[in-house]
Amino acid sequence: MKRTIYNLSENGKIAVLTAYDYPTAKLLDGAGVDIILVGDSLGNVILGHKDTLPVTMDDMLRHTKAAARGVSDALLVADMPFMSYQVCVRDAVFNAGRLVKEGGANAVKLEGGAEICEQIRAVTAAGIPVMGHIGLTPQSVNALGGYKIQGKTPEAAKRLIETAKEVEAAGGFSIVLECVPAELAAEITATVSVPTIGIGAGDGCSGQVLVFHDLVGLSEKPPKFAKQYFNAREAFTKAVGEYISDVKKC
């Protein structure tokens, strides 16, 4: 059954993984992943950038199109890259529309709180579902002073709870909580009526998301919270070594 924003929680916790190409998306879709996220994390794990800031709309469109060709059942969500929605509402609606119309996404994801709620309202009003993203927002890494846990003080925790409420009120159908203390993430989950998707935020969220390359051991510097389920780097290196050996013997 095709996953939609209305039936995401019917089968318990929501499993989310990233994919940036056709074969990976097809594999994840066939395995039963609920949401496939074409993340701007492709800047790090695919394009070799140090962060997500250089990722462009062209990058996101290319990879979203590729992933969409492999998806039949999962809900396909595409990240809106840095500066594709922050400048004005018109940009947000236009670029979100491109990711759906040209890229084949079912929904888009925007990072931020009150400062982008007008954009969230406008994009949802245009008929495009929006996933929010609060806590550690990688596109704001320079403003945040690095990749740090968010909401550690009582004041910061209160702001994050209010931010989650604002994103929900603006129309977000779910909210990613990144690098938030587990207790706070559980409180936010209990406070809002939409699903929360945790990444480095404990198990009290409605679901979890991981970067596929972290899960299979292909990332160069995976975050500490990312559980590795398979060492593909080791397996691939062994296979390539055996191929080279066979060629040299010919």
C-alpha atoms as a PDB file:
ATOM      1  CA  MET A   1       0.000   0.000   0.000  1.00  0.00           C
ATOM      2  CA  LYS A   2       1.291   3.440  -0.932  1.00  0.00           C
ATOM      3  CA  ARG A   3       2.306   5.404   2.157  1.00  0.00           C
ATOM      4  CA  THR A   4       0.668   8.809   2.470  1.00  0.00           C
ATOM      5  CA  ILE A   5       0.815  11.582   5.039  1.00  0.00           C
ATOM      6  CA  TYR A   6      -2.480  10.218   6.396  1.00  0.00           C
ATOM      7  CA  ASN A   7      -1.520   6.598   7.042  1.00  0.00           C
ATOM      8  CA  LEU A   8       2.104   6.909   8.166  1.00  0.00           C
ATOM      9  CA  SER A   9       1.469   5.802  11.758  1.00  0.00           C
ATOM     10  CA  GLU A  10      -0.848   2.890  10.992  1.00  0.00           C
ATOM     11  CA  ASN A  11       1.942   0.312  11.345  1.00  0.00           C
ATOM     12  CA  GLY A  12       3.627   1.640  14.476  1.00  0.00           C
ATOM     13  CA  LYS A  13       6.901   3.537  14.479  1.00  0.00           C
ATOM     14  CA  ILE A  14       7.876   5.205  11.206  1.00  0.00           C
ATOM     15  CA  ALA A  15      11.081   3.990   9.515  1.00  0.00           C
ATOM     16  CA  VAL A  16      12.849   6.605   7.386  1.00  0.00           C
ATOM     17  CA  LEU A  17      16.051   6.269   5.351  1.00  0.00           C
ATOM     18  CA  THR A  18      17.785   8.480   2.815  1.00  0.00           C
ATOM     19  CA  ALA A  19      18.331   7.554  -0.812  1.00  0.00           C
ATOM     20  CA  TYR A  20      19.880   9.601  -3.600  1.00  0.00           C
ATOM     21  CA  ASP A  21      19.648   7.288  -6.605  1.00  0.00           C
ATOM     22  CA  TYR A  22      17.445   4.732  -8.362  1.00  0.00           C
ATOM     23  CA  PRO A  23      18.980   1.440  -7.139  1.00  0.00           C
ATOM     24  CA  THR A  24      19.112   2.490  -3.488  1.00  0.00           C
ATOM     25  CA  ALA A  25      15.573   3.880  -3.529  1.00  0.00           C
ATOM     26  CA  LYS A  26      14.278   0.705  -5.192  1.00  0.00           C
ATOM     27  CA  LEU A  27      16.043  -1.457  -2.604  1.00  0.00           C
ATOM     28  CA  LEU A  28      14.657   0.545   0.344  1.00  0.00           C
ATOM     29  CA  ASP A  29      11.169   0.664  -1.148  1.00  0.00           C
ATOM     30  CA  GLY A  30      11.172  -3.095  -1.656  1.00  0.00           C
ATOM     31  CA  ALA A  31      12.363  -3.624   1.924  1.00  0.00           C
ATOM     32  CA  GLY A  32       9.340  -1.749   3.250  1.00  0.00           C
ATOM     33  CA  VAL A  33      10.760   1.585   4.415  1.00  0.00           C
ATOM     34  CA  ASP A  34       7.913   4.004   5.208  1.00  0.00           C
ATOM     35  CA  ILE A  35       9.565   7.226   4.047  1.00  0.00           C
ATOM     36  CA  ILE A  36      12.463   7.677   1.656  1.00  0.00           C
ATOM     37  CA  LEU A  37      14.145  11.049   2.111  1.00  0.00           C
ATOM     38  CA  VAL A  38      16.201  12.519  -0.691  1.00  0.00           C
ATOM     39  CA  GLY A  39      18.219  14.567   1.745  1.00  0.00           C
ATOM     40  CA  ASP A  40      20.515  17.472   1.085  1.00  0.00           C
ATOM     41  CA  SER A  41      22.918  15.259   3.032  1.00  0.00           C
ATOM     42  CA  LEU A  42      23.843  14.139  -0.479  1.00  0.00           C
ATOM     43  CA  GLY A  43      26.205  17.114  -0.323  1.00  0.00           C
ATOM     44  CA  ASN A  44      28.256  15.243   2.285  1.00  0.00           C
ATOM     45  CA  VAL A  45      27.892  11.591   1.354  1.00  0.00           C
ATOM     46  CA  ILE A  46      27.588  11.783  -2.443  1.00  0.00           C
ATOM     47  CA  LEU A  47      29.179  15.041  -3.616  1.00  0.00           C
ATOM     48  CA  GLY A  48      32.024  15.216  -1.083  1.00  0.00           C
ATOM     49  CA  HIS A  49      31.239  18.620   0.435  1.00  0.00           C
ATOM     50  CA  LYS A  50      31.996  19.334   4.089  1.00  0.00           C
ATOM     51  CA  ASP A  51      28.361  20.343   4.742  1.00  0.00           C
ATOM     52  CA  THR A  52      24.991  20.696   3.014  1.00  0.00           C
ATOM     53  CA  LEU A  53      25.268  24.390   2.139  1.00  0.00           C
ATOM     54  CA  PRO A  54      26.642  24.005  -1.446  1.00  0.00           C
ATOM     55  CA  VAL A  55      23.760  21.735  -2.530  1.00  0.00           C
ATOM     56  CA  THR A  56      21.678  23.371  -5.288  1.00  0.00           C
ATOM     57  CA  MET A  57      18.151  22.961  -6.615  1.00  0.00           C
ATOM     58  CA  ASP A  58      19.641  21.309  -9.704  1.00  0.00           C
ATOM     59  CA  ASP A  59      21.366  18.774  -7.439  1.00  0.00           C
ATOM     60  CA  MET A  60      18.145  18.059  -5.560  1.00  0.00           C
ATOM     61  CA  LEU A  61      16.078  17.766  -8.727  1.00  0.00           C
ATOM     62  CA  ARG A  62      18.553  15.373 -10.359  1.00  0.00           C
ATOM     63  CA  HIS A  63      18.714  13.054  -7.360  1.00  0.00           C
ATOM     64  CA  THR A  64      15.006  13.267  -6.542  1.00  0.00           C
ATOM     65  CA  LYS A  65      14.135  12.284 -10.122  1.00  0.00           C
ATOM     66  CA  ALA A  66      16.493   9.308  -9.894  1.00  0.00           C
ATOM     67  CA  ALA A  67      15.119   8.121  -6.552  1.00  0.00           C
ATOM     68  CA  ALA A  68      11.506   8.604  -7.645  1.00  0.00           C
ATOM     69  CA  ARG A  69      11.978   6.094 -10.473  1.00  0.00           C
ATOM     70  CA  GLY A  70      12.643   3.401  -7.878  1.00  0.00           C
ATOM     71  CA  VAL A  71       9.785   4.151  -5.477  1.00  0.00           C
ATOM     72  CA  SER A  72       6.364   2.499  -5.601  1.00  0.00           C
ATOM     73  CA  ASP A  73       5.132   2.295  -1.999  1.00  0.00           C
ATOM     74  CA  ALA A  74       7.191   4.600   0.239  1.00  0.00           C
ATOM     75  CA  LEU A  75       6.391   8.264   0.756  1.00  0.00           C
ATOM     76  CA  LEU A  76       9.110  10.183  -1.102  1.00  0.00           C
ATOM     77  CA  VAL A  77      10.208  13.408   0.617  1.00  0.00           C
ATOM     78  CA  ALA A  78      12.760  15.797  -0.885  1.00  0.00           C
ATOM     79  CA  ASP A  79      14.821  18.326   1.047  1.00  0.00           C
ATOM     80  CA  MET A  80      14.624  21.928  -0.077  1.00  0.00           C
ATOM     81  CA  PRO A  81      18.270  23.059  -0.238  1.00  0.00           C
ATOM     82  CA  PHE A  82      19.816  26.110   1.372  1.00  0.00           C
ATOM     83  CA  MET A  83      18.497  29.421  -0.025  1.00  0.00           C
ATOM     84  CA  SER A  84      15.751  27.755  -2.074  1.00  0.00           C
ATOM     85  CA  TYR A  85      13.063  28.922   0.377  1.00  0.00           C
ATOM     86  CA  GLN A  86      14.577  31.335   2.914  1.00  0.00           C
ATOM     87  CA  VAL A  87      14.560  34.501   0.770  1.00  0.00           C
ATOM     88  CA  CYS A  88      10.832  34.791   0.103  1.00  0.00           C
ATOM     89  CA  VAL A  89       7.554  32.909   0.027  1.00  0.00           C
ATOM     90  CA  ARG A  90       7.421  32.954  -3.768  1.00  0.00           C
ATOM     91  CA  ASP A  91      10.767  31.139  -4.000  1.00  0.00           C
ATOM     92  CA  ALA A  92       9.566  28.554  -1.487  1.00  0.00           C
ATOM     93  CA  VAL A  93       6.374  27.742  -3.390  1.00  0.00           C
ATOM     94  CA  PHE A  94       8.072  27.758  -6.789  1.00  0.00           C
ATOM     95  CA  ASN A  95      10.968  25.503  -5.747  1.00  0.00           C
ATOM     96  CA  ALA A  96       8.755  23.140  -3.753  1.00  0.00           C
ATOM     97  CA  GLY A  97       6.573  22.863  -6.831  1.00  0.00           C
ATOM     98  CA  ARG A  98       9.560  21.928  -8.962  1.00  0.00           C
ATOM     99  CA  LEU A  99      10.547  19.118  -6.586  1.00  0.00           C
ATOM    100  CA  VAL A 100       7.032  17.669  -6.855  1.00  0.00           C
ATOM    101  CA  LYS A 101       6.220  18.425 -10.504  1.00  0.00           C
ATOM    102  CA  GLU A 102       9.650  17.725 -12.038  1.00  0.00           C
ATOM    103  CA  GLY A 103      11.308  15.630  -9.354  1.00  0.00           C
ATOM    104  CA  GLY A 104       8.438  13.303  -8.485  1.00  0.00           C
ATOM    105  CA  ALA A 105       8.502  13.954  -4.730  1.00  0.00           C
ATOM    106  CA  ASN A 106       5.345  13.457  -2.658  1.00  0.00           C
ATOM    107  CA  ALA A 107       6.378  16.073  -0.086  1.00  0.00           C
ATOM    108  CA  VAL A 108       9.201  18.470   0.774  1.00  0.00           C
ATOM    109  CA  LYS A 109      11.195  19.169   3.936  1.00  0.00           C
ATOM    110  CA  LEU A 110      12.114  22.631   5.233  1.00  0.00           C
ATOM    111  CA  GLU A 111      14.476  23.436   8.098  1.00  0.00           C
ATOM    112  CA  GLY A 112      13.600  26.064  10.682  1.00  0.00           C
ATOM    113  CA  GLY A 113      10.912  27.427  12.969  1.00  0.00           C
ATOM    114  CA  ALA A 114       8.931  30.653  13.220  1.00  0.00           C
ATOM    115  CA  GLU A 115      11.081  32.370  10.599  1.00  0.00           C
ATOM    116  CA  ILE A 116       9.856  29.982   7.873  1.00  0.00           C
ATOM    117  CA  CYS A 117       6.284  29.331   9.023  1.00  0.00           C
ATOM    118  CA  GLU A 118       4.948  31.710   6.387  1.00  0.00           C
ATOM    119  CA  GLN A 119       6.693  29.594   3.761  1.00  0.00           C
ATOM    120  CA  ILE A 120       5.268  26.393   5.247  1.00  0.00           C
ATOM    121  CA  ARG A 121       1.759  27.843   5.141  1.00  0.00           C
ATOM    122  CA  ALA A 122       2.155  28.956   1.531  1.00  0.00           C
ATOM    123  CA  VAL A 123       3.633  25.663   0.322  1.00  0.00           C
ATOM    124  CA  THR A 124       0.917  23.606   2.018  1.00  0.00           C
ATOM    125  CA  ALA A 125      -1.723  25.990   0.632  1.00  0.00           C
ATOM    126  CA  ALA A 126      -0.360  25.147  -2.813  1.00  0.00           C
ATOM    127  CA  GLY A 127      -1.184  21.489  -2.143  1.00  0.00           C
ATOM    128  CA  ILE A 128       2.337  20.326  -1.269  1.00  0.00           C
ATOM    129  CA  PRO A 129       2.794  18.502   2.075  1.00  0.00           C
ATOM    130  CA  VAL A 130       5.628  19.882   4.230  1.00  0.00           C
ATOM    131  CA  MET A 131       7.805  18.024   6.728  1.00  0.00           C
ATOM    132  CA  GLY A 132       9.380  20.341   9.292  1.00  0.00           C
ATOM    133  CA  HIS A 133      12.892  20.034  10.727  1.00  0.00           C
ATOM    134  CA  ILE A 134      13.943  21.609  14.034  1.00  0.00           C
ATOM    135  CA  GLY A 135      16.683  21.214  16.622  1.00  0.00           C
ATOM    136  CA  LEU A 136      20.031  20.932  14.882  1.00  0.00           C
ATOM    137  CA  THR A 137      19.331  22.335  11.418  1.00  0.00           C
ATOM    138  CA  PRO A 138      22.435  21.675   9.274  1.00  0.00           C
ATOM    139  CA  GLN A 139      21.669  24.525   6.862  1.00  0.00           C
ATOM    140  CA  SER A 140      22.108  26.887   9.847  1.00  0.00           C
ATOM    141  CA  VAL A 141      25.364  25.302  10.997  1.00  0.00           C
ATOM    142  CA  ASN A 142      27.252  28.613  10.833  1.00  0.00           C
ATOM    143  CA  ALA A 143      24.628  30.421  12.899  1.00  0.00           C
ATOM    144  CA  LEU A 144      24.488  27.569  15.415  1.00  0.00           C
ATOM    145  CA  GLY A 145      28.269  27.516  15.831  1.00  0.00           C
ATOM    146  CA  GLY A 146      28.692  23.935  14.669  1.00  0.00           C
ATOM    147  CA  TYR A 147      26.970  20.583  15.003  1.00  0.00           C
ATOM    148  CA  LYS A 148      25.822  20.757  18.622  1.00  0.00           C
ATOM    149  CA  ILE A 149      22.991  19.264  20.654  1.00  0.00           C
ATOM    150  CA  GLN A 150      20.083  21.706  20.820  1.00  0.00           C
ATOM    151  CA  GLY A 151      17.638  22.411  23.660  1.00  0.00           C
ATOM    152  CA  LYS A 152      19.995  21.633  26.538  1.00  0.00           C
ATOM    153  CA  THR A 153      18.958  24.538  28.776  1.00  0.00           C
ATOM    154  CA  PRO A 154      15.418  25.043  30.141  1.00  0.00           C
ATOM    155  CA  GLU A 155      15.053  28.207  28.038  1.00  0.00           C
ATOM    156  CA  ALA A 156      16.258  26.485  24.856  1.00  0.00           C
ATOM    157  CA  ALA A 157      14.010  23.499  25.526  1.00  0.00           C
ATOM    158  CA  LYS A 158      11.000  25.771  25.947  1.00  0.00           C
ATOM    159  CA  ARG A 159      11.815  27.505  22.651  1.00  0.00           C
ATOM    160  CA  LEU A 160      12.028  24.172  20.831  1.00  0.00           C
ATOM    161  CA  ILE A 161       8.651  23.076  22.192  1.00  0.00           C
ATOM    162  CA  GLU A 162       7.124  26.345  21.016  1.00  0.00           C
ATOM    163  CA  THR A 163       8.872  25.977  17.655  1.00  0.00           C
ATOM    164  CA  ALA A 164       7.364  22.516  17.181  1.00  0.00           C
ATOM    165  CA  LYS A 165       3.912  23.913  17.923  1.00  0.00           C
ATOM    166  CA  GLU A 166       4.474  26.718  15.405  1.00  0.00           C
ATOM    167  CA  VAL A 167       5.575  24.321  12.663  1.00  0.00           C
ATOM    168  CA  GLU A 168       2.538  22.131  13.317  1.00  0.00           C
ATOM    169  CA  ALA A 169       0.186  25.142  13.305  1.00  0.00           C
ATOM    170  CA  ALA A 170       1.687  26.299  10.002  1.00  0.00           C
ATOM    171  CA  GLY A 171       0.726  22.976   8.418  1.00  0.00           C
ATOM    172  CA  GLY A 172       3.697  20.640   8.833  1.00  0.00           C
ATOM    173  CA  PHE A 173       2.508  17.017   8.594  1.00  0.00           C
ATOM    174  CA  SER A 174       5.511  15.751  10.576  1.00  0.00           C
ATOM    175  CA  ILE A 175       8.598  17.187  12.249  1.00  0.00           C
ATOM    176  CA  VAL A 176      12.190  15.948  12.235  1.00  0.00           C
ATOM    177  CA  LEU A 177      13.896  16.423  15.616  1.00  0.00           C
ATOM    178  CA  GLU A 178      17.672  16.373  15.170  1.00  0.00           C
ATOM    179  CA  CYS A 179      20.235  16.215  17.997  1.00  0.00           C
ATOM    180  CA  VAL A 180      17.726  16.973  20.738  1.00  0.00           C
ATOM    181  CA  PRO A 181      17.946  15.444  24.244  1.00  0.00           C
ATOM    182  CA  ALA A 182      15.810  12.287  24.409  1.00  0.00           C
ATOM    183  CA  GLU A 183      13.628  13.568  27.246  1.00  0.00           C
ATOM    184  CA  LEU A 184      12.880  16.794  25.382  1.00  0.00           C
ATOM    185  CA  ALA A 185      12.169  14.920  22.128  1.00  0.00           C
ATOM    186  CA  ALA A 186       9.671  12.709  23.971  1.00  0.00           C
ATOM    187  CA  GLU A 187       8.014  15.804  25.457  1.00  0.00           C
ATOM    188  CA  ILE A 188       7.724  17.445  22.042  1.00  0.00           C
ATOM    189  CA  THR A 189       6.268  14.224  20.636  1.00  0.00           C
ATOM    190  CA  ALA A 190       3.630  14.200  23.381  1.00  0.00           C
ATOM    191  CA  THR A 191       2.890  17.894  22.837  1.00  0.00           C
ATOM    192  CA  VAL A 192       2.237  17.960  19.082  1.00  0.00           C
ATOM    193  CA  SER A 193      -0.372  15.893  17.248  1.00  0.00           C
ATOM    194  CA  VAL A 194       1.761  15.207  14.165  1.00  0.00           C
ATOM    195  CA  PRO A 195       4.446  12.474  13.995  1.00  0.00           C
ATOM    196  CA  THR A 196       7.990  13.315  15.030  1.00  0.00           C
ATOM    197  CA  ILE A 197      10.987  11.731  13.317  1.00  0.00           C
ATOM    198  CA  GLY A 198      14.094  11.518  15.476  1.00  0.00           C
ATOM    199  CA  ILE A 199      17.728  11.565  14.453  1.00  0.00           C
ATOM    200  CA  GLY A 200      20.010  11.580  17.445  1.00  0.00           C
ATOM    201  CA  ALA A 201      16.955  12.352  19.608  1.00  0.00           C
ATOM    202  CA  GLY A 202      16.281   9.119  21.495  1.00  0.00           C
ATOM    203  CA  ASP A 203      13.558   6.540  20.958  1.00  0.00           C
ATOM    204  CA  GLY A 204      10.619   8.585  22.234  1.00  0.00           C
ATOM    205  CA  CYS A 205       9.793   9.949  18.786  1.00  0.00           C
ATOM    206  CA  SER A 206       7.127   8.610  16.418  1.00  0.00           C
ATOM    207  CA  GLY A 207       9.838   7.325  14.096  1.00  0.00           C
ATOM    208  CA  GLN A 208      13.527   7.418  13.245  1.00  0.00           C
ATOM    209  CA  VAL A 209      15.609   8.526  10.267  1.00  0.00           C
ATOM    210  CA  LEU A 210      19.150   7.551   9.336  1.00  0.00           C
ATOM    211  CA  VAL A 211      21.395   8.403   6.430  1.00  0.00           C
ATOM    212  CA  PHE A 212      21.671   5.186   4.396  1.00  0.00           C
ATOM    213  CA  HIS A 213      25.430   5.540   4.052  1.00  0.00           C
ATOM    214  CA  ASP A 214      25.769   5.702   7.860  1.00  0.00           C
ATOM    215  CA  LEU A 215      23.622   2.570   8.253  1.00  0.00           C
ATOM    216  CA  VAL A 216      25.729   0.472   5.853  1.00  0.00           C
ATOM    217  CA  GLY A 217      29.153   1.804   6.831  1.00  0.00           C
ATOM    218  CA  LEU A 218      29.926   3.889   3.755  1.00  0.00           C
ATOM    219  CA  SER A 219      30.173   7.292   5.453  1.00  0.00           C
ATOM    220  CA  GLU A 220      33.625   8.638   6.217  1.00  0.00           C
ATOM    221  CA  LYS A 221      32.624  10.356   9.475  1.00  0.00           C
ATOM    222  CA  PRO A 222      29.256   9.068  10.695  1.00  0.00           C
ATOM    223  CA  PRO A 223      27.735  10.799  13.744  1.00  0.00           C
ATOM    224  CA  LYS A 224      28.126   9.029  17.077  1.00  0.00           C
ATOM    225  CA  PHE A 225      24.403   8.280  17.369  1.00  0.00           C
ATOM    226  CA  ALA A 226      24.208   6.492  13.990  1.00  0.00           C
ATOM    227  CA  LYS A 227      24.066   2.715  14.387  1.00  0.00           C
ATOM    228  CA  GLN A 228      25.988   0.822  11.705  1.00  0.00           C
ATOM    229  CA  TYR A 229      24.187  -2.360  10.602  1.00  0.00           C
ATOM    230  CA  PHE A 230      26.661  -3.504   7.937  1.00  0.00           C
ATOM    231  CA  ASN A 231      30.241  -2.717   6.898  1.00  0.00           C
ATOM    232  CA  ALA A 232      29.812  -2.185   3.165  1.00  0.00           C
ATOM    233  CA  ARG A 233      33.124  -0.341   2.911  1.00  0.00           C
ATOM    234  CA  GLU A 234      34.972  -3.462   4.069  1.00  0.00           C
ATOM    235  CA  ALA A 235      32.932  -5.773   1.820  1.00  0.00           C
ATOM    236  CA  PHE A 236      33.327  -3.546  -1.238  1.00  0.00           C
ATOM    237  CA  THR A 237      37.057  -3.118  -0.664  1.00  0.00           C
ATOM    238  CA  LYS A 238      37.455  -6.907  -0.437  1.00  0.00           C
ATOM    239  CA  ALA A 239      35.459  -7.446  -3.650  1.00  0.00           C
ATOM    240  CA  VAL A 240      37.465  -4.820  -5.540  1.00  0.00           C
ATOM    241  CA  GLY A 241      40.701  -6.328  -4.270  1.00  0.00           C
ATOM    242  CA  GLU A 242      39.666  -9.759  -5.511  1.00  0.00           C
ATOM    243  CA  TYR A 243      38.754  -8.309  -8.911  1.00  0.00           C
ATOM    244  CA  ILE A 244      42.135  -6.575  -9.204  1.00  0.00           C
ATOM    245  CA  SER A 245      43.863  -9.815  -8.237  1.00  0.00           C
ATOM    246  CA  ASP A 246      41.940 -11.766 -10.884  1.00  0.00           C
ATOM    247  CA  VAL A 247      42.780  -9.210 -13.572  1.00  0.00           C
ATOM    248  CA  LYS A 248      46.484  -9.255 -12.689  1.00  0.00           C
ATOM    249  CA  LYS A 249      46.523 -13.060 -12.993  1.00  0.00           C
ATOM    250  CA  CYS A 250      45.190 -13.031 -16.554  1.00  0.00           C
END
